[in-house]
């Protein structure tokens, strides 16, 4: 039962993370390329910090013990407690930073018009879509416009796409494949 819970929990967190990641990128893109770059750098810094916390909490839990020490579970408990305590503090800090960002004048300036426009679309223009035909009479122009917009956005994002591909290649691809005997 616990195994099923762990798998479900992992899948739910991965799904929520993927959904929220899209939102984070969308908000950062409203502020321009510098904000997207800062967001990506911040995510990398958080990943390094999380890994550092894991290593430090694991090392601190076995500090002073001999190498041949056979654990009774207390080291793992202390390590997990330290990691989750620091993770909780980081979550509280992130919630505070989010609340602070929502009150910033530049956030209000950039995002407020979009939120007002969304409310207008939901209240006034919702019925207009129902009056339009299912097949557009100007399909060729709309397809060309969509294609041009997609190419324009791809050109703007090429440096980020190359960076993600490079990170993937460096961190996840290894030739020749790692064998268990290579590790010892």
Protein backbone atom coordinates (compact mmCIF):
# COMPACT_ATOMS: atom_id res chain seq x y z
CA UNK A 1 0.00 0.00 0.00
CA UNK A 2 2.84 2.39 0.86
CA UNK A 3 4.55 1.67 -2.47
CA UNK A 4 1.37 2.62 -4.36
CA UNK A 5 1.07 5.79 -2.27
CA UNK A 6 4.67 6.77 -3.03
CA UNK A 7 4.17 6.20 -6.77
CA UNK A 8 0.91 8.15 -6.79
CA UNK A 9 2.45 10.97 -4.76
CA UNK A 10 5.44 11.18 -7.13
CA UNK A 11 3.18 11.23 -10.19
CA UNK A 12 0.91 13.89 -8.67
CA UNK A 13 3.87 16.10 -7.74
CA UNK A 14 5.41 15.72 -11.21
CA UNK A 15 2.09 16.65 -12.83
CA UNK A 16 1.63 19.68 -10.58
CA UNK A 17 5.23 20.74 -11.16
CA UNK A 18 4.87 20.50 -14.94
CA UNK A 19 1.65 22.53 -14.82
CA UNK A 20 3.12 25.20 -12.57
CA UNK A 21 6.34 25.37 -14.60
CA UNK A 22 4.32 26.53 -17.60
CA UNK A 23 2.75 29.25 -15.47
CA UNK A 24 6.13 30.39 -14.16
CA UNK A 25 7.54 30.68 -17.68
CA UNK A 26 4.41 32.51 -18.86
CA UNK A 27 4.68 35.12 -16.10
CA UNK A 28 8.42 35.53 -16.62
CA UNK A 29 7.92 35.99 -20.37
CA UNK A 30 5.60 38.93 -19.69
CA UNK A 31 8.60 40.80 -18.29
CA UNK A 32 10.92 40.06 -21.23
CA UNK A 33 14.02 38.00 -21.97
CA UNK A 34 15.99 39.23 -18.96
CA UNK A 35 13.28 37.95 -16.63
CA UNK A 36 13.23 34.56 -18.36
CA UNK A 37 17.01 34.36 -18.05
CA UNK A 38 16.81 35.28 -14.36
CA UNK A 39 14.08 32.67 -13.84
CA UNK A 40 16.18 29.94 -15.46
CA UNK A 41 19.25 30.97 -13.46
CA UNK A 42 17.19 31.01 -10.28
CA UNK A 43 15.88 27.52 -10.95
CA UNK A 44 19.42 26.27 -11.47
CA UNK A 45 20.53 27.93 -8.23
CA UNK A 46 17.65 26.32 -6.34
CA UNK A 47 18.55 22.91 -7.77
CA UNK A 48 22.14 23.33 -6.61
CA UNK A 49 20.96 24.54 -3.20
CA UNK A 50 18.62 21.55 -2.78
CA UNK A 51 21.40 19.15 -3.71
CA UNK A 52 23.72 20.93 -1.29
CA UNK A 53 21.19 20.68 1.52
CA UNK A 54 20.81 16.97 0.87
CA UNK A 55 24.57 16.40 0.98
CA UNK A 56 25.09 18.59 4.05
CA UNK A 57 22.22 17.02 5.98
CA UNK A 58 23.42 13.51 5.13
CA UNK A 59 27.01 14.37 6.08
CA UNK A 60 25.95 16.07 9.32
CA UNK A 61 23.88 13.08 10.36
CA UNK A 62 26.88 10.73 10.27
CA UNK A 63 29.49 13.25 11.47
CA UNK A 64 31.88 11.68 13.97
CA UNK A 65 30.76 8.11 13.32
CA UNK A 66 33.37 5.54 12.23
CA UNK A 67 33.32 4.34 8.62
CA UNK A 68 32.38 0.85 9.70
CA UNK A 69 29.40 2.15 11.69
CA UNK A 70 26.26 0.08 11.17
CA UNK A 71 23.35 2.47 11.43
CA UNK A 72 20.35 2.03 13.63
CA UNK A 73 18.26 4.46 11.58
CA UNK A 74 18.88 7.59 13.62
CA UNK A 75 21.27 9.09 11.05
CA UNK A 76 18.66 8.73 8.32
CA UNK A 77 16.01 10.22 10.56
CA UNK A 78 18.16 13.25 11.38
CA UNK A 79 19.09 13.70 7.73
CA UNK A 80 15.46 13.54 6.62
CA UNK A 81 14.36 15.89 9.40
CA UNK A 82 17.03 18.44 8.47
CA UNK A 83 16.18 18.25 4.78
CA UNK A 84 12.43 18.62 5.27
CA UNK A 85 12.87 21.39 7.83
CA UNK A 86 14.99 23.39 5.39
CA UNK A 87 12.59 22.57 2.54
CA UNK A 88 9.68 23.87 4.61
CA UNK A 89 11.58 27.08 5.40
CA UNK A 90 12.27 27.51 1.68
CA UNK A 91 8.58 26.97 0.89
CA UNK A 92 7.57 29.62 3.45
CA UNK A 93 10.19 31.99 1.99
CA UNK A 94 8.85 31.32 -1.53
CA UNK A 95 5.27 32.05 -0.44
CA UNK A 96 6.43 35.33 1.11
CA UNK A 97 8.37 36.27 -2.02
CA UNK A 98 5.28 35.52 -4.12
CA UNK A 99 3.09 37.73 -1.92
CA UNK A 100 5.71 40.50 -2.14
CA UNK A 101 5.90 40.19 -5.93
CA UNK A 102 2.13 40.51 -6.28
CA UNK A 103 2.25 43.89 -4.50
CA UNK A 104 5.09 45.32 -6.61
CA UNK A 105 4.11 48.25 -8.87
CA UNK A 106 5.78 46.76 -11.94
CA UNK A 107 3.81 43.53 -11.52
CA UNK A 108 0.61 45.53 -11.26
CA UNK A 109 1.60 47.53 -14.35
CA UNK A 110 2.37 44.48 -16.50
CA UNK A 111 -0.16 41.91 -15.31
CA UNK A 112 -3.19 43.98 -14.24
CA UNK A 113 -4.20 44.94 -17.82
CA UNK A 114 -4.08 41.28 -18.82
CA UNK A 115 -6.27 40.27 -15.89
CA UNK A 116 -8.79 43.02 -16.69
CA UNK A 117 -8.81 41.88 -20.33
CA UNK A 118 -9.45 38.28 -19.24
CA UNK A 119 -12.43 39.34 -17.11
CA UNK A 120 -13.81 41.31 -20.07
CA UNK A 121 -13.45 38.31 -22.35
CA UNK A 122 -15.21 36.08 -19.87
CA UNK A 123 -18.10 38.49 -19.24
CA UNK A 124 -18.79 40.34 -22.50
CA UNK A 125 -17.26 38.55 -25.44
CA UNK A 126 -18.08 34.98 -24.47
CA UNK A 127 -21.22 34.88 -26.60
CA UNK A 128 -19.42 36.27 -29.66
CA UNK A 129 -17.57 32.98 -30.17
CA UNK A 130 -20.85 31.13 -30.23
CA UNK A 131 -22.14 33.28 -33.10
CA UNK A 132 -19.14 32.57 -35.33
CA UNK A 133 -19.19 29.68 -37.76
CA UNK A 134 -17.16 26.59 -37.11
CA UNK A 135 -15.26 26.95 -40.38
CA UNK A 136 -13.48 30.22 -40.95
CA UNK A 137 -13.82 31.83 -44.37
CA UNK A 138 -10.29 33.29 -44.14
CA UNK A 139 -8.52 30.05 -43.24
CA UNK A 140 -5.44 30.56 -45.43
CA UNK A 141 -4.58 33.95 -43.93
CA UNK A 142 -5.06 32.73 -40.36
CA UNK A 143 -2.86 29.69 -41.02
CA UNK A 144 -0.13 31.86 -42.54
CA UNK A 145 -0.38 34.27 -39.60
CA UNK A 146 -0.14 31.42 -37.07
CA UNK A 147 2.85 29.95 -38.92
CA UNK A 148 4.59 33.34 -39.02
CA UNK A 149 3.95 33.85 -35.30
CA UNK A 150 5.29 30.37 -34.48
CA UNK A 151 8.46 31.00 -36.48
CA UNK A 152 8.92 34.43 -34.90
CA UNK A 153 8.62 32.98 -31.40
CA UNK A 154 10.97 30.10 -32.27
CA UNK A 155 13.56 32.60 -33.49
CA UNK A 156 13.24 34.63 -30.29
CA UNK A 157 13.63 31.53 -28.12
CA UNK A 158 16.42 29.81 -30.06
CA UNK A 159 19.09 30.61 -27.48
CA UNK A 160 16.99 29.06 -24.70
CA UNK A 161 16.17 26.01 -26.83
CA UNK A 162 19.86 25.47 -27.58
CA UNK A 163 20.71 25.91 -23.88
CA UNK A 164 18.16 23.29 -22.81
CA UNK A 165 19.39 20.87 -25.50
CA UNK A 166 23.00 21.43 -24.40
CA UNK A 167 22.17 20.80 -20.74
CA UNK A 168 20.34 17.63 -21.73
CA UNK A 169 23.27 16.39 -23.76
CA UNK A 170 25.84 17.19 -21.07
CA UNK A 171 23.93 15.83 -18.09
CA UNK A 172 21.86 12.94 -19.40
CA UNK A 173 23.67 11.47 -22.38
CA UNK A 174 26.81 9.45 -21.79
CA UNK A 175 28.71 7.36 -24.31
CA UNK A 176 29.63 4.55 -23.84
CA UNK A 177 26.88 3.48 -21.44
CA UNK A 178 27.83 3.33 -17.79
CA UNK A 179 28.21 -0.21 -16.57
CA UNK A 180 27.94 -1.30 -12.98
CA UNK A 181 31.52 -2.57 -13.13
CA UNK A 182 32.67 0.96 -14.12
CA UNK A 183 31.44 2.30 -10.80
CA UNK A 184 33.81 0.16 -8.70
